[in-house]
Amino acid sequence: MEAELYSLENLTLREVKALRTALNYIQVTGIDAFFIGTLQIKVSSQIEEIENHLNSPQPPTPPPTS
């Protein structure tokens, strides 16, 4: 049985980075170490996507039409 997927929405980049940093301090062993390592990778990838989006040039908005 596969786990259902959910997402964390409405978090700022700062909040996501705080979660990623906190994952460095969790003491784990065995199979939990693999789980936390995978979670670290996923959160790091999400941070990279957010930063790339924020740093990409945004197309200019068209002027309002009347």
N, C-alpha and C. Protein backbone atom coordinates (compact mmCIF):
# COMPACT_ATOMS: atom_id res chain seq x y z
N MET A 1 0.84 -1.19 0.00
CA MET A 1 0.00 0.00 0.00
C MET A 1 0.88 1.24 0.00
N GLU A 2 0.69 2.11 -0.99
CA GLU A 2 1.46 3.34 -1.08
C GLU A 2 0.85 4.42 -0.19
N ALA A 3 1.72 5.25 0.33
CA ALA A 3 1.26 6.36 1.16
C ALA A 3 0.61 7.42 0.29
N GLU A 4 -0.42 8.05 0.82
CA GLU A 4 -1.06 9.15 0.11
C GLU A 4 -0.14 10.36 0.14
N LEU A 5 -0.14 11.14 -0.93
CA LEU A 5 0.71 12.32 -1.01
C LEU A 5 -0.08 13.57 -0.64
N TYR A 6 0.54 14.41 0.13
CA TYR A 6 -0.03 15.69 0.52
C TYR A 6 1.04 16.75 0.29
N SER A 7 0.68 18.01 0.36
CA SER A 7 1.67 19.07 0.21
C SER A 7 1.46 20.10 1.31
N LEU A 8 2.52 20.81 1.59
CA LEU A 8 2.45 21.90 2.56
C LEU A 8 2.31 23.19 1.76
N GLU A 9 1.19 23.84 1.91
CA GLU A 9 0.95 25.07 1.18
C GLU A 9 0.95 26.24 2.13
N ASN A 10 1.07 27.39 1.56
CA ASN A 10 1.04 28.65 2.31
C ASN A 10 2.22 28.79 3.28
N LEU A 11 3.35 28.19 2.94
CA LEU A 11 4.57 28.38 3.73
C LEU A 11 5.47 29.35 2.98
N THR A 12 6.11 30.24 3.70
CA THR A 12 7.07 31.15 3.07
C THR A 12 8.37 30.40 2.82
N LEU A 13 9.21 30.96 1.98
CA LEU A 13 10.52 30.36 1.72
C LEU A 13 11.30 30.24 3.02
N ARG A 14 11.20 31.25 3.86
CA ARG A 14 11.90 31.22 5.15
C ARG A 14 11.43 30.05 6.01
N GLU A 15 10.13 29.78 6.01
CA GLU A 15 9.59 28.67 6.80
C GLU A 15 10.06 27.32 6.25
N VAL A 16 10.10 27.19 4.93
CA VAL A 16 10.57 25.94 4.33
C VAL A 16 12.05 25.73 4.66
N LYS A 17 12.84 26.80 4.59
CA LYS A 17 14.26 26.69 4.94
C LYS A 17 14.44 26.33 6.41
N ALA A 18 13.58 26.83 7.28
CA ALA A 18 13.66 26.50 8.70
C ALA A 18 13.39 25.01 8.92
N LEU A 19 12.41 24.47 8.19
CA LEU A 19 12.14 23.03 8.28
C LEU A 19 13.34 22.22 7.81
N ARG A 20 13.97 22.67 6.72
CA ARG A 20 15.13 21.96 6.18
C ARG A 20 16.27 21.97 7.19
N THR A 21 16.52 23.12 7.81
CA THR A 21 17.58 23.24 8.80
C THR A 21 17.29 22.34 10.00
N ALA A 22 16.05 22.29 10.43
CA ALA A 22 15.68 21.46 11.57
C ALA A 22 15.94 19.98 11.30
N LEU A 23 15.81 19.57 10.05
CA LEU A 23 16.05 18.16 9.71
C LEU A 23 17.50 17.76 9.94
N ASN A 24 18.42 18.72 9.98
CA ASN A 24 19.83 18.42 10.24
C ASN A 24 20.08 18.02 11.69
N TYR A 25 19.16 18.36 12.58
CA TYR A 25 19.38 18.16 14.00
C TYR A 25 18.63 16.97 14.58
N ILE A 26 17.87 16.27 13.77
CA ILE A 26 17.13 15.11 14.24
C ILE A 26 18.09 13.93 14.34
N GLN A 27 18.15 13.29 15.50
CA GLN A 27 19.01 12.13 15.71
C GLN A 27 18.23 10.87 15.31
N VAL A 28 18.72 10.18 14.28
CA VAL A 28 18.02 8.99 13.81
C VAL A 28 19.02 7.89 13.51
N THR A 29 18.51 6.66 13.53
CA THR A 29 19.34 5.51 13.18
C THR A 29 18.50 4.54 12.37
N GLY A 30 19.17 3.62 11.73
CA GLY A 30 18.47 2.56 11.00
C GLY A 30 17.64 3.07 9.84
N ILE A 31 16.50 2.45 9.67
CA ILE A 31 15.62 2.79 8.54
C ILE A 31 15.14 4.23 8.61
N ASP A 32 15.02 4.78 9.82
CA ASP A 32 14.61 6.17 9.96
C ASP A 32 15.64 7.12 9.35
N ALA A 33 16.92 6.75 9.38
CA ALA A 33 17.96 7.58 8.79
C ALA A 33 17.72 7.73 7.29
N PHE A 34 17.36 6.65 6.62
CA PHE A 34 17.06 6.71 5.19
C PHE A 34 15.84 7.59 4.94
N PHE A 35 14.82 7.45 5.77
CA PHE A 35 13.61 8.26 5.63
C PHE A 35 13.93 9.75 5.77
N ILE A 36 14.68 10.12 6.79
CA ILE A 36 15.03 11.52 7.03
C ILE A 36 15.93 12.03 5.91
N GLY A 37 16.86 11.21 5.44
CA GLY A 37 17.71 11.60 4.32
C GLY A 37 16.91 11.90 3.08
N THR A 38 15.93 11.06 2.80
CA THR A 38 15.05 11.29 1.65
C THR A 38 14.24 12.57 1.83
N LEU A 39 13.76 12.79 3.03
CA LEU A 39 13.01 14.01 3.32
C LEU A 39 13.87 15.25 3.14
N GLN A 40 15.14 15.18 3.57
CA GLN A 40 16.05 16.31 3.39
C GLN A 40 16.23 16.63 1.92
N ILE A 41 16.37 15.62 1.10
CA ILE A 41 16.54 15.82 -0.34
C ILE A 41 15.30 16.46 -0.95
N LYS A 42 14.12 15.98 -0.57
CA LYS A 42 12.87 16.53 -1.10
C LYS A 42 12.71 18.00 -0.72
N VAL A 43 12.97 18.33 0.53
CA VAL A 43 12.82 19.72 0.98
C VAL A 43 13.86 20.60 0.30
N SER A 44 15.09 20.12 0.17
CA SER A 44 16.13 20.89 -0.52
C SER A 44 15.75 21.15 -1.97
N SER A 45 15.19 20.16 -2.63
CA SER A 45 14.75 20.32 -4.02
C SER A 45 13.65 21.35 -4.12
N GLN A 46 12.73 21.34 -3.17
CA GLN A 46 11.63 22.31 -3.17
C GLN A 46 12.17 23.72 -2.97
N ILE A 47 13.15 23.87 -2.08
CA ILE A 47 13.76 25.18 -1.85
C ILE A 47 14.42 25.68 -3.13
N GLU A 48 15.13 24.80 -3.81
CA GLU A 48 15.79 25.18 -5.06
C GLU A 48 14.77 25.62 -6.11
N GLU A 49 13.65 24.90 -6.22
CA GLU A 49 12.60 25.28 -7.17
C GLU A 49 12.03 26.66 -6.84
N ILE A 50 11.78 26.91 -5.57
CA ILE A 50 11.23 28.21 -5.15
C ILE A 50 12.22 29.32 -5.48
N GLU A 51 13.50 29.12 -5.14
CA GLU A 51 14.51 30.14 -5.40
C GLU A 51 14.68 30.39 -6.89
N ASN A 52 14.65 29.33 -7.70
CA ASN A 52 14.74 29.51 -9.15
C ASN A 52 13.56 30.30 -9.68
N HIS A 53 12.38 30.01 -9.16
CA HIS A 53 11.19 30.74 -9.58
C HIS A 53 11.30 32.22 -9.19
N LEU A 54 11.77 32.49 -7.98
CA LEU A 54 11.88 33.87 -7.52
C LEU A 54 12.94 34.64 -8.30
N ASN A 55 13.98 33.95 -8.76
CA ASN A 55 15.08 34.60 -9.47
C ASN A 55 14.88 34.68 -10.97
N SER A 56 13.86 34.02 -11.50
CA SER A 56 13.63 34.07 -12.94
C SER A 56 12.91 35.36 -13.30
N PRO A 57 13.26 35.90 -14.46
CA PRO A 57 12.58 37.16 -14.86
C PRO A 57 11.10 36.91 -15.10
N GLN A 58 10.31 37.80 -14.60
CA GLN A 58 8.86 37.70 -14.76
C GLN A 58 8.45 38.52 -15.98
N PRO A 59 7.53 38.00 -16.80
CA PRO A 59 7.08 38.78 -17.95
C PRO A 59 6.33 40.02 -17.48
N PRO A 60 6.49 41.12 -18.21
CA PRO A 60 5.79 42.35 -17.80
C PRO A 60 4.29 42.17 -17.91
N THR A 61 3.60 42.80 -17.00
CA THR A 61 2.13 42.72 -17.04
C THR A 61 1.62 43.73 -18.04
N PRO A 62 0.65 43.34 -18.84
CA PRO A 62 0.12 44.28 -19.83
C PRO A 62 -0.64 45.42 -19.15
N PRO A 63 -0.63 46.58 -19.77
CA PRO A 63 -1.37 47.70 -19.15
C PRO A 63 -2.87 47.42 -19.17
N PRO A 64 -3.57 47.96 -18.21
CA PRO A 64 -5.04 47.72 -18.18
C PRO A 64 -5.71 48.35 -19.40
N THR A 65 -6.71 47.67 -19.87
CA THR A 65 -7.47 48.21 -20.99
C THR A 65 -8.75 48.85 -20.46
N SER A 66 -9.15 49.93 -21.10
CA SER A 66 -10.38 50.57 -20.62
C SER A 66 -11.47 50.51 -21.64
